[in-house]
Amino acid sequence: MLLLGVVMGIVQYLVAVGGVWNIAAFSGSLAGMAVAYPIARRYRGEQQDNGELDGRALLVALSGYAILVAVILAVQLIPALNDFLDRWSSR
């Protein structure tokens, strides 16, 4: 979809130009998912045999990814943590 590509490209460009280039692609992909979700819900079509989505099971399934994102963002955006890990990894 052209809309997804445009949104992802603009967000990635703005984040990279803003100085946080190391998470620019990540930010662009998050923006793409935010735009894709309502589009996917609108155009999903008829689903007679599909039951309700279990929100709790979905949260459990995505929790590992959320933790990974939180760790990556903490390392990138907290200078003291980044410096500590740089010193620790250079031993």
Protein backbone atom coordinates (compact mmCIF):
# COMPACT_ATOMS: atom_id res chain seq x y z
CA MET A 1 0.00 0.00 0.00
CA LEU A 2 1.27 3.35 -0.97
CA LEU A 3 -0.05 4.99 2.19
CA LEU A 4 2.01 2.69 4.42
CA GLY A 5 5.19 3.36 2.48
CA VAL A 6 4.68 7.11 2.57
CA VAL A 7 3.98 7.18 6.30
CA MET A 8 6.91 4.91 7.11
CA GLY A 9 9.29 6.89 4.91
CA ILE A 10 8.27 10.26 6.32
CA VAL A 11 8.54 9.12 9.93
CA GLN A 12 11.89 7.43 9.33
CA TYR A 13 13.22 10.55 7.62
CA LEU A 14 12.01 12.90 10.37
CA VAL A 15 13.43 10.75 13.15
CA ALA A 16 16.79 10.36 11.37
CA VAL A 17 17.05 14.08 10.62
CA GLY A 18 16.03 14.78 14.23
CA GLY A 19 19.24 13.15 15.40
CA VAL A 20 18.01 9.78 16.62
CA TRP A 21 19.11 7.95 13.48
CA ASN A 22 19.76 4.67 15.31
CA ILE A 23 16.04 4.10 15.92
CA ALA A 24 14.72 5.73 12.75
CA ALA A 25 13.82 2.46 11.03
CA PHE A 26 12.18 1.19 14.19
CA SER A 27 10.10 4.35 14.47
CA GLY A 28 9.08 4.12 10.83
CA SER A 29 7.95 0.54 11.27
CA LEU A 30 5.90 1.46 14.35
CA ALA A 31 4.20 4.21 12.38
CA GLY A 32 3.50 1.73 9.59
CA MET A 33 1.91 -0.71 12.02
CA ALA A 34 -0.20 2.08 13.53
CA VAL A 35 -1.53 2.94 10.07
CA ALA A 36 -1.92 -0.68 8.94
CA TYR A 37 -4.00 -1.80 11.92
CA PRO A 38 -7.15 0.23 11.17
CA ILE A 39 -6.80 -0.50 7.45
CA ALA A 40 -6.57 -4.24 8.11
CA ARG A 41 -9.60 -4.13 10.40
CA ARG A 42 -11.63 -2.30 7.76
CA TYR A 43 -10.76 -4.59 4.83
CA ARG A 44 -10.64 -7.96 6.56
CA GLY A 45 -13.85 -9.14 4.87
CA GLU A 46 -16.30 -11.76 6.08
CA GLN A 47 -15.06 -14.12 8.76
CA GLN A 48 -17.95 -16.36 9.63
CA ASP A 49 -15.88 -19.15 11.16
CA ASN A 50 -13.50 -16.94 13.16
CA GLY A 51 -14.24 -16.33 16.83
CA GLU A 52 -13.53 -13.31 18.96
CA LEU A 53 -9.96 -12.16 19.41
CA ASP A 54 -8.67 -12.97 22.88
CA GLY A 55 -6.99 -9.74 23.93
CA ARG A 56 -5.27 -11.33 26.91
CA ALA A 57 -3.66 -14.04 24.77
CA LEU A 58 -2.56 -11.40 22.29
CA LEU A 59 -0.92 -9.34 25.06
CA VAL A 60 0.90 -12.41 26.36
CA ALA A 61 2.10 -13.24 22.84
CA LEU A 62 3.38 -9.71 22.23
CA SER A 63 4.86 -9.13 25.70
CA GLY A 64 8.27 -10.52 24.73
CA TYR A 65 8.52 -8.07 21.87
CA ALA A 66 7.42 -5.20 24.13
CA ILE A 67 10.18 -6.07 26.61
CA LEU A 68 12.73 -6.23 23.81
CA VAL A 69 11.65 -2.82 22.52
CA ALA A 70 11.81 -1.34 26.04
CA VAL A 71 15.36 -2.64 26.57
CA ILE A 72 16.56 -1.36 23.20
CA LEU A 73 15.02 2.06 23.75
CA ALA A 74 16.43 2.28 27.27
CA VAL A 75 19.95 1.53 26.04
CA GLN A 76 19.66 4.01 23.17
CA LEU A 77 17.96 6.86 25.01
CA ILE A 78 19.48 6.73 28.54
CA PRO A 79 23.06 8.03 28.21
CA ALA A 80 24.24 6.62 31.57
CA LEU A 81 23.06 3.12 30.67
CA ASN A 82 24.61 3.38 27.21
CA ASP A 83 27.95 4.51 28.69
CA PHE A 84 27.89 1.72 31.27
CA LEU A 85 27.27 -0.93 28.64
CA ASP A 86 29.96 0.56 26.37
CA ARG A 87 32.51 0.33 29.18
CA TRP A 88 31.36 -3.15 30.13
CA SER A 89 31.51 -4.49 26.58
CA SER A 90 34.99 -3.07 25.87
CA ARG A 91 36.66 -5.13 28.59
